[in-house]
Amino acid sequence: MDKKEIIEQLSKRTCCKKEAADAFEEFLLAVKKSLFRGEKVHLKGIGTLYVKMRKERRVRNPKTREIIKIMPKRVIRFKASEVPLED
């Protein structure tokens, strides 16, 4: 399911696609802001989005065999919730 399909599903519950698209964009913006501040985003029944710091590491360029240093960076992680599957 992609963004367009999600908006179509939301539009069935709201009055129009424009309103559904605006609501979905606002939701994504709120999630991005929370993650940027370092907060966890808990979506009950779905999972948790959080930011983790990746360590500095050294890798080798396979073409030149040169060792390159990759700087530490923040990455977004997702942990799915443990929800029993329904039949």
PDB file of N, CA and C in Angstrom:
ATOM      1  N   MET A   1       0.851  -1.167   0.000  1.00  0.00           N
ATOM      2  CA  MET A   1       0.000   0.000   0.000  1.00  0.00           C
ATOM      3  C   MET A   1       0.901   1.234   0.000  1.00  0.00           C
ATOM      4  N   ASP A   2       0.647   2.143  -0.899  1.00  0.00           N
ATOM      5  CA  ASP A   2       1.447   3.361  -0.964  1.00  0.00           C
ATOM      6  C   ASP A   2       0.629   4.559  -0.490  1.00  0.00           C
ATOM      7  N   LYS A   3       1.256   5.724  -0.545  1.00  0.00           N
ATOM      8  CA  LYS A   3       0.633   6.944  -0.041  1.00  0.00           C
ATOM      9  C   LYS A   3      -0.697   7.248  -0.731  1.00  0.00           C
ATOM     10  N   LYS A   4      -0.740   7.073  -2.036  1.00  0.00           N
ATOM     11  CA  LYS A   4      -1.958   7.349  -2.794  1.00  0.00           C
ATOM     12  C   LYS A   4      -3.107   6.445  -2.345  1.00  0.00           C
ATOM     13  N   GLU A   5      -2.819   5.169  -2.146  1.00  0.00           N
ATOM     14  CA  GLU A   5      -3.846   4.226  -1.707  1.00  0.00           C
ATOM     15  C   GLU A   5      -4.325   4.534  -0.290  1.00  0.00           C
ATOM     16  N   ILE A   6      -3.419   4.970   0.570  1.00  0.00           N
ATOM     17  CA  ILE A   6      -3.808   5.343   1.931  1.00  0.00           C
ATOM     18  C   ILE A   6      -4.754   6.536   1.895  1.00  0.00           C
ATOM     19  N   ILE A   7      -4.425   7.532   1.072  1.00  0.00           N
ATOM     20  CA  ILE A   7      -5.280   8.714   0.944  1.00  0.00           C
ATOM     21  C   ILE A   7      -6.647   8.335   0.394  1.00  0.00           C
ATOM     22  N   GLU A   8      -6.700   7.413  -0.558  1.00  0.00           N
ATOM     23  CA  GLU A   8      -7.986   6.957  -1.095  1.00  0.00           C
ATOM     24  C   GLU A   8      -8.830   6.286  -0.014  1.00  0.00           C
ATOM     25  N   GLN A   9      -8.193   5.473   0.832  1.00  0.00           N
ATOM     26  CA  GLN A   9      -8.914   4.824   1.931  1.00  0.00           C
ATOM     27  C   GLN A   9      -9.421   5.853   2.935  1.00  0.00           C
ATOM     28  N   LEU A  10      -8.603   6.857   3.232  1.00  0.00           N
ATOM     29  CA  LEU A  10      -9.022   7.910   4.156  1.00  0.00           C
ATOM     30  C   LEU A  10     -10.166   8.732   3.579  1.00  0.00           C
ATOM     31  N   SER A  11     -10.149   8.939   2.273  1.00  0.00           N
ATOM     32  CA  SER A  11     -11.188   9.764   1.653  1.00  0.00           C
ATOM     33  C   SER A  11     -12.564   9.092   1.716  1.00  0.00           C
ATOM     34  N   LYS A  12     -12.587   7.793   1.852  1.00  0.00           N
ATOM     35  CA  LYS A  12     -13.863   7.085   2.004  1.00  0.00           C
ATOM     36  C   LYS A  12     -14.512   7.412   3.349  1.00  0.00           C
ATOM     37  N   ARG A  13     -13.678   7.755   4.360  1.00  0.00           N
ATOM     38  CA  ARG A  13     -14.184   8.077   5.692  1.00  0.00           C
ATOM     39  C   ARG A  13     -14.412   9.580   5.882  1.00  0.00           C
ATOM     40  N   THR A  14     -13.783  10.399   5.041  1.00  0.00           N
ATOM     41  CA  THR A  14     -13.954  11.850   5.134  1.00  0.00           C
ATOM     42  C   THR A  14     -14.786  12.311   3.949  1.00  0.00           C
ATOM     43  N   CYS A  15     -14.916  13.631   3.799  1.00  0.00           N
ATOM     44  CA  CYS A  15     -15.791  14.130   2.739  1.00  0.00           C
ATOM     45  C   CYS A  15     -15.117  14.156   1.368  1.00  0.00           C
ATOM     46  N   CYS A  16     -13.787  14.341   1.320  1.00  0.00           N
ATOM     47  CA  CYS A  16     -13.151  14.441  -0.003  1.00  0.00           C
ATOM     48  C   CYS A  16     -11.677  14.038   0.072  1.00  0.00           C
ATOM     49  N   LYS A  17     -11.083  13.822  -1.109  1.00  0.00           N
ATOM     50  CA  LYS A  17      -9.678  13.429  -1.186  1.00  0.00           C
ATOM     51  C   LYS A  17      -8.755  14.538  -0.697  1.00  0.00           C
ATOM     52  N   LYS A  18      -9.095  15.784  -0.976  1.00  0.00           N
ATOM     53  CA  LYS A  18      -8.260  16.918  -0.561  1.00  0.00           C
ATOM     54  C   LYS A  18      -8.139  16.956   0.957  1.00  0.00           C
ATOM     55  N   GLU A  19      -9.253  16.777   1.643  1.00  0.00           N
ATOM     56  CA  GLU A  19      -9.245  16.776   3.108  1.00  0.00           C
ATOM     57  C   GLU A  19      -8.442  15.590   3.638  1.00  0.00           C
ATOM     58  N   ALA A  20      -8.587  14.435   3.021  1.00  0.00           N
ATOM     59  CA  ALA A  20      -7.846  13.242   3.437  1.00  0.00           C
ATOM     60  C   ALA A  20      -6.353  13.432   3.210  1.00  0.00           C
ATOM     61  N   ALA A  21      -5.982  14.019   2.066  1.00  0.00           N
ATOM     62  CA  ALA A  21      -4.569  14.259   1.762  1.00  0.00           C
ATOM     63  C   ALA A  21      -3.970  15.245   2.756  1.00  0.00           C
ATOM     64  N   ASP A  22      -4.710  16.297   3.088  1.00  0.00           N
ATOM     65  CA  ASP A  22      -4.222  17.278   4.060  1.00  0.00           C
ATOM     66  C   ASP A  22      -4.034  16.640   5.431  1.00  0.00           C
ATOM     67  N   ALA A  23      -4.970  15.804   5.847  1.00  0.00           N
ATOM     68  CA  ALA A  23      -4.883  15.137   7.144  1.00  0.00           C
ATOM     69  C   ALA A  23      -3.681  14.189   7.183  1.00  0.00           C
ATOM     70  N   PHE A  24      -3.474  13.456   6.114  1.00  0.00           N
ATOM     71  CA  PHE A  24      -2.348  12.523   6.065  1.00  0.00           C
ATOM     72  C   PHE A  24      -1.016  13.264   6.063  1.00  0.00           C
ATOM     73  N   GLU A  25      -0.922  14.355   5.317  1.00  0.00           N
ATOM     74  CA  GLU A  25       0.300  15.166   5.296  1.00  0.00           C
ATOM     75  C   GLU A  25       0.580  15.746   6.677  1.00  0.00           C
ATOM     76  N   GLU A  26      -0.453  16.184   7.377  1.00  0.00           N
ATOM     77  CA  GLU A  26      -0.296  16.722   8.730  1.00  0.00           C
ATOM     78  C   GLU A  26       0.184  15.638   9.687  1.00  0.00           C
ATOM     79  N   PHE A  27      -0.331  14.416   9.528  1.00  0.00           N
ATOM     80  CA  PHE A  27       0.113  13.291  10.335  1.00  0.00           C
ATOM     81  C   PHE A  27       1.601  13.010  10.105  1.00  0.00           C
ATOM     82  N   LEU A  28       2.016  12.963   8.845  1.00  0.00           N
ATOM     83  CA  LEU A  28       3.420  12.706   8.526  1.00  0.00           C
ATOM     84  C   LEU A  28       4.324  13.809   9.068  1.00  0.00           C
ATOM     85  N   LEU A  29       3.880  15.054   8.985  1.00  0.00           N
ATOM     86  CA  LEU A  29       4.656  16.176   9.499  1.00  0.00           C
ATOM     87  C   LEU A  29       4.823  16.071  11.018  1.00  0.00           C
ATOM     88  N   ALA A  30       3.764  15.687  11.714  1.00  0.00           N
ATOM     89  CA  ALA A  30       3.840  15.529  13.168  1.00  0.00           C
ATOM     90  C   ALA A  30       4.808  14.414  13.551  1.00  0.00           C
ATOM     91  N   VAL A  31       4.786  13.308  12.801  1.00  0.00           N
ATOM     92  CA  VAL A  31       5.709  12.198  13.058  1.00  0.00           C
ATOM     93  C   VAL A  31       7.147  12.640  12.809  1.00  0.00           C
ATOM     94  N   LYS A  32       7.395  13.345  11.710  1.00  0.00           N
ATOM     95  CA  LYS A  32       8.750  13.820  11.392  1.00  0.00           C
ATOM     96  C   LYS A  32       9.278  14.752  12.475  1.00  0.00           C
ATOM     97  N   LYS A  33       8.435  15.679  12.940  1.00  0.00           N
ATOM     98  CA  LYS A  33       8.860  16.622  13.983  1.00  0.00           C
ATOM     99  C   LYS A  33       9.194  15.895  15.277  1.00  0.00           C
ATOM    100  N   SER A  34       8.387  14.911  15.645  1.00  0.00           N
ATOM    101  CA  SER A  34       8.641  14.152  16.867  1.00  0.00           C
ATOM    102  C   SER A  34       9.952  13.380  16.770  1.00  0.00           C
ATOM    103  N   LEU A  35      10.192  12.741  15.642  1.00  0.00           N
ATOM    104  CA  LEU A  35      11.437  11.992  15.461  1.00  0.00           C
ATOM    105  C   LEU A  35      12.639  12.927  15.451  1.00  0.00           C
ATOM    106  N   PHE A  36      12.498  14.101  14.868  1.00  0.00           N
ATOM    107  CA  PHE A  36      13.588  15.069  14.824  1.00  0.00           C
ATOM    108  C   PHE A  36      13.972  15.516  16.232  1.00  0.00           C
ATOM    109  N   ARG A  37      12.965  15.635  17.121  1.00  0.00           N
ATOM    110  CA  ARG A  37      13.225  16.017  18.513  1.00  0.00           C
ATOM    111  C   ARG A  37      13.763  14.846  19.334  1.00  0.00           C
ATOM    112  N   GLY A  38      13.816  13.651  18.749  1.00  0.00           N
ATOM    113  CA  GLY A  38      14.341  12.483  19.442  1.00  0.00           C
ATOM    114  C   GLY A  38      13.295  11.703  20.206  1.00  0.00           C
ATOM    115  N   GLU A  39      12.035  12.022  20.012  1.00  0.00           N
ATOM    116  CA  GLU A  39      10.953  11.327  20.703  1.00  0.00           C
ATOM    117  C   GLU A  39      10.576  10.045  19.961  1.00  0.00           C
ATOM    118  N   LYS A  40      10.040   9.096  20.702  1.00  0.00           N
ATOM    119  CA  LYS A  40       9.518   7.874  20.086  1.00  0.00           C
ATOM    120  C   LYS A  40       8.084   8.128  19.657  1.00  0.00           C
ATOM    121  N   VAL A  41       7.682   7.490  18.556  1.00  0.00           N
ATOM    122  CA  VAL A  41       6.304   7.589  18.073  1.00  0.00           C
ATOM    123  C   VAL A  41       5.685   6.204  18.183  1.00  0.00           C
ATOM    124  N   HIS A  42       4.722   6.051  19.122  1.00  0.00           N
ATOM    125  CA  HIS A  42       4.048   4.777  19.342  1.00  0.00           C
ATOM    126  C   HIS A  42       2.733   4.774  18.573  1.00  0.00           C
ATOM    127  N   LEU A  43       2.569   3.807  17.689  1.00  0.00           N
ATOM    128  CA  LEU A  43       1.318   3.625  16.957  1.00  0.00           C
ATOM    129  C   LEU A  43       0.725   2.308  17.450  1.00  0.00           C
ATOM    130  N   LYS A  44      -0.287   2.406  18.303  1.00  0.00           N
ATOM    131  CA  LYS A  44      -0.860   1.228  18.952  1.00  0.00           C
ATOM    132  C   LYS A  44      -1.357   0.222  17.913  1.00  0.00           C
ATOM    133  N   GLY A  45      -0.927  -1.003  18.064  1.00  0.00           N
ATOM    134  CA  GLY A  45      -1.323  -2.072  17.161  1.00  0.00           C
ATOM    135  C   GLY A  45      -0.462  -2.160  15.906  1.00  0.00           C
ATOM    136  N   ILE A  46       0.430  -1.181  15.704  1.00  0.00           N
ATOM    137  CA  ILE A  46       1.293  -1.184  14.523  1.00  0.00           C
ATOM    138  C   ILE A  46       2.748  -1.341  14.934  1.00  0.00           C
ATOM    139  N   GLY A  47       3.238  -0.401  15.751  1.00  0.00           N
ATOM    140  CA  GLY A  47       4.616  -0.476  16.197  1.00  0.00           C
ATOM    141  C   GLY A  47       5.124   0.867  16.679  1.00  0.00           C
ATOM    142  N   THR A  48       6.450   0.962  16.808  1.00  0.00           N
ATOM    143  CA  THR A  48       7.094   2.155  17.319  1.00  0.00           C
ATOM    144  C   THR A  48       8.182   2.605  16.353  1.00  0.00           C
ATOM    145  N   LEU A  49       8.187   3.901  16.065  1.00  0.00           N
ATOM    146  CA  LEU A  49       9.254   4.526  15.301  1.00  0.00           C
ATOM    147  C   LEU A  49      10.151   5.263  16.282  1.00  0.00           C
ATOM    148  N   TYR A  50      11.467   5.134  16.120  1.00  0.00           N
ATOM    149  CA  TYR A  50      12.390   5.836  16.998  1.00  0.00           C
ATOM    150  C   TYR A  50      13.681   6.131  16.246  1.00  0.00           C
ATOM    151  N   VAL A  51      14.483   7.027  16.816  1.00  0.00           N
ATOM    152  CA  VAL A  51      15.747   7.430  16.199  1.00  0.00           C
ATOM    153  C   VAL A  51      16.879   6.791  16.986  1.00  0.00           C
ATOM    154  N   LYS A  52      17.838   6.231  16.251  1.00  0.00           N
ATOM    155  CA  LYS A  52      18.989   5.595  16.867  1.00  0.00           C
ATOM    156  C   LYS A  52      20.257   6.190  16.248  1.00  0.00           C
ATOM    157  N   MET A  53      21.285   6.330  17.049  1.00  0.00           N
ATOM    158  CA  MET A  53      22.548   6.875  16.564  1.00  0.00           C
ATOM    159  C   MET A  53      23.414   5.730  16.048  1.00  0.00           C
ATOM    160  N   ARG A  54      23.816   5.813  14.791  1.00  0.00           N
ATOM    161  CA  ARG A  54      24.712   4.809  14.202  1.00  0.00           C
ATOM    162  C   ARG A  54      26.153   5.245  14.468  1.00  0.00           C
ATOM    163  N   LYS A  55      27.000   4.316  14.892  1.00  0.00           N
ATOM    164  CA  LYS A  55      28.384   4.621  15.231  1.00  0.00           C
ATOM    165  C   LYS A  55      29.208   4.966  13.987  1.00  0.00           C
ATOM    166  N   GLU A  56      30.336   5.613  14.241  1.00  0.00           N
ATOM    167  CA  GLU A  56      31.309   5.848  13.172  1.00  0.00           C
ATOM    168  C   GLU A  56      31.897   4.497  12.780  1.00  0.00           C
ATOM    169  N   ARG A  57      32.167   4.313  11.495  1.00  0.00           N
ATOM    170  CA  ARG A  57      32.739   3.041  11.062  1.00  0.00           C
ATOM    171  C   ARG A  57      33.677   3.261   9.878  1.00  0.00           C
ATOM    172  N   ARG A  58      34.493   2.286   9.640  1.00  0.00           N
ATOM    173  CA  ARG A  58      35.428   2.347   8.521  1.00  0.00           C
ATOM    174  C   ARG A  58      35.070   1.229   7.546  1.00  0.00           C
ATOM    175  N   VAL A  59      35.013   1.576   6.261  1.00  0.00           N
ATOM    176  CA  VAL A  59      34.698   0.608   5.216  1.00  0.00           C
ATOM    177  C   VAL A  59      35.742   0.708   4.110  1.00  0.00           C
ATOM    178  N   ARG A  60      35.802  -0.326   3.309  1.00  0.00           N
ATOM    179  CA  ARG A  60      36.772  -0.349   2.218  1.00  0.00           C
ATOM    180  C   ARG A  60      36.041  -0.185   0.889  1.00  0.00           C
ATOM    181  N   ASN A  61      36.533   0.722   0.059  1.00  0.00           N
ATOM    182  CA  ASN A  61      36.018   0.911  -1.290  1.00  0.00           C
ATOM    183  C   ASN A  61      36.492  -0.285  -2.115  1.00  0.00           C
ATOM    184  N   PRO A  62      35.587  -1.108  -2.646  1.00  0.00           N
ATOM    185  CA  PRO A  62      36.010  -2.316  -3.366  1.00  0.00           C
ATOM    186  C   PRO A  62      36.779  -2.017  -4.655  1.00  0.00           C
ATOM    187  N   LYS A  63      36.534  -0.884  -5.246  1.00  0.00           N
ATOM    188  CA  LYS A  63      37.202  -0.555  -6.504  1.00  0.00           C
ATOM    189  C   LYS A  63      38.644  -0.101  -6.289  1.00  0.00           C
ATOM    190  N   THR A  64      38.857   0.818  -5.320  1.00  0.00           N
ATOM    191  CA  THR A  64      40.191   1.375  -5.095  1.00  0.00           C
ATOM    192  C   THR A  64      40.910   0.744  -3.910  1.00  0.00           C
ATOM    193  N   ARG A  65      40.208  -0.077  -3.135  1.00  0.00           N
ATOM    194  CA  ARG A  65      40.740  -0.726  -1.936  1.00  0.00           C
ATOM    195  C   ARG A  65      41.128   0.287  -0.854  1.00  0.00           C
ATOM    196  N   GLU A  66      40.636   1.519  -0.981  1.00  0.00           N
ATOM    197  CA  GLU A  66      40.932   2.574  -0.018  1.00  0.00           C
ATOM    198  C   GLU A  66      39.962   2.462   1.168  1.00  0.00           C
ATOM    199  N   ILE A  67      40.457   2.719   2.370  1.00  0.00           N
ATOM    200  CA  ILE A  67      39.613   2.695   3.558  1.00  0.00           C
ATOM    201  C   ILE A  67      38.985   4.075   3.733  1.00  0.00           C
ATOM    202  N   ILE A  68      37.653   4.076   3.897  1.00  0.00           N
ATOM    203  CA  ILE A  68      36.894   5.312   4.019  1.00  0.00           C
ATOM    204  C   ILE A  68      36.241   5.343   5.398  1.00  0.00           C
ATOM    205  N   LYS A  69      36.247   6.517   6.026  1.00  0.00           N
ATOM    206  CA  LYS A  69      35.609   6.672   7.327  1.00  0.00           C
ATOM    207  C   LYS A  69      34.207   7.238   7.113  1.00  0.00           C
ATOM    208  N   ILE A  70      33.206   6.534   7.640  1.00  0.00           N
ATOM    209  CA  ILE A  70      31.824   6.999   7.570  1.00  0.00           C
ATOM    210  C   ILE A  70      31.472   7.593   8.922  1.00  0.00           C
ATOM    211  N   MET A  71      31.029   8.835   8.911  1.00  0.00           N
ATOM    212  CA  MET A  71      30.728   9.575  10.135  1.00  0.00           C
ATOM    213  C   MET A  71      29.471   9.017  10.813  1.00  0.00           C
ATOM    214  N   PRO A  72      29.358   9.219  12.132  1.00  0.00           N
ATOM    215  CA  PRO A  72      28.145   8.776  12.828  1.00  0.00           C
ATOM    216  C   PRO A  72      26.932   9.564  12.340  1.00  0.00           C
ATOM    217  N   LYS A  73      25.762   8.911  12.353  1.00  0.00           N
ATOM    218  CA  LYS A  73      24.553   9.598  11.912  1.00  0.00           C
ATOM    219  C   LYS A  73      23.337   9.010  12.606  1.00  0.00           C
ATOM    220  N   ARG A  74      22.259   9.777  12.575  1.00  0.00           N
ATOM    221  CA  ARG A  74      20.999   9.335  13.157  1.00  0.00           C
ATOM    222  C   ARG A  74      20.186   8.622  12.082  1.00  0.00           C
ATOM    223  N   VAL A  75      19.591   7.478  12.464  1.00  0.00           N
ATOM    224  CA  VAL A  75      18.764   6.716  11.534  1.00  0.00           C
ATOM    225  C   VAL A  75      17.433   6.382  12.202  1.00  0.00           C
ATOM    226  N   ILE A  76      16.388   6.268  11.406  1.00  0.00           N
ATOM    227  CA  ILE A  76      15.065   5.933  11.918  1.00  0.00           C
ATOM    228  C   ILE A  76      14.906   4.420  11.929  1.00  0.00           C
ATOM    229  N   ARG A  77      14.422   3.905  13.048  1.00  0.00           N
ATOM    230  CA  ARG A  77      14.179   2.476  13.196  1.00  0.00           C
ATOM    231  C   ARG A  77      12.695   2.249  13.483  1.00  0.00           C
ATOM    232  N   PHE A  78      12.227   1.048  13.148  1.00  0.00           N
ATOM    233  CA  PHE A  78      10.839   0.673  13.390  1.00  0.00           C
ATOM    234  C   PHE A  78      10.813  -0.677  14.072  1.00  0.00           C
ATOM    235  N   LYS A  79      10.054  -0.769  15.149  1.00  0.00           N
ATOM    236  CA  LYS A  79       9.855  -2.043  15.824  1.00  0.00           C
ATOM    237  C   LYS A  79       8.378  -2.360  15.806  1.00  0.00           C
ATOM    238  N   ALA A  80       8.012  -3.440  15.159  1.00  0.00           N
ATOM    239  CA  ALA A  80       6.598  -3.837  15.036  1.00  0.00           C
ATOM    240  C   ALA A  80       6.059  -4.287  16.377  1.00  0.00           C
ATOM    241  N   SER A  81       4.782  -3.999  16.621  1.00  0.00           N
ATOM    242  CA  SER A  81       4.151  -4.439  17.870  1.00  0.00           C
ATOM    243  C   SER A  81       3.779  -5.909  17.747  1.00  0.00           C
ATOM    244  N   GLU A  82       3.617  -6.525  18.890  1.00  0.00           N
ATOM    245  CA  GLU A  82       3.271  -7.935  18.912  1.00  0.00           C
ATOM    246  C   GLU A  82       1.758  -8.068  18.964  1.00  0.00           C
ATOM    247  N   VAL A  83       1.155  -8.128  17.816  1.00  0.00           N
ATOM    248  CA  VAL A  83      -0.301  -8.236  17.729  1.00  0.00           C
ATOM    249  C   VAL A  83      -0.639  -9.602  17.156  1.00  0.00           C
ATOM    250  N   PRO A  84      -1.508 -10.342  17.826  1.00  0.00           N
ATOM    251  CA  PRO A  84      -1.878 -11.649  17.263  1.00  0.00           C
ATOM    252  C   PRO A  84      -2.646 -11.474  15.951  1.00  0.00           C
ATOM    253  N   LEU A  85      -2.359 -12.321  14.998  1.00  0.00           N
ATOM    254  CA  LEU A  85      -3.050 -12.254  13.709  1.00  0.00           C
ATOM    255  C   LEU A  85      -4.470 -12.757  13.846  1.00  0.00           C
ATOM    256  N   GLU A  86      -5.388 -12.053  13.186  1.00  0.00           N
ATOM    257  CA  GLU A  86      -6.778 -12.464  13.233  1.00  0.00           C
ATOM    258  C   GLU A  86      -7.087 -13.355  12.040  1.00  0.00           C
ATOM    259  N   ASP A  87      -7.971 -14.320  12.229  1.00  0.00           N
ATOM    260  CA  ASP A  87      -8.323 -15.236  11.142  1.00  0.00           C
ATOM    261  C   ASP A  87      -9.375 -14.658  10.252  1.00  0.00           C
TER     262      ASP A  87
END
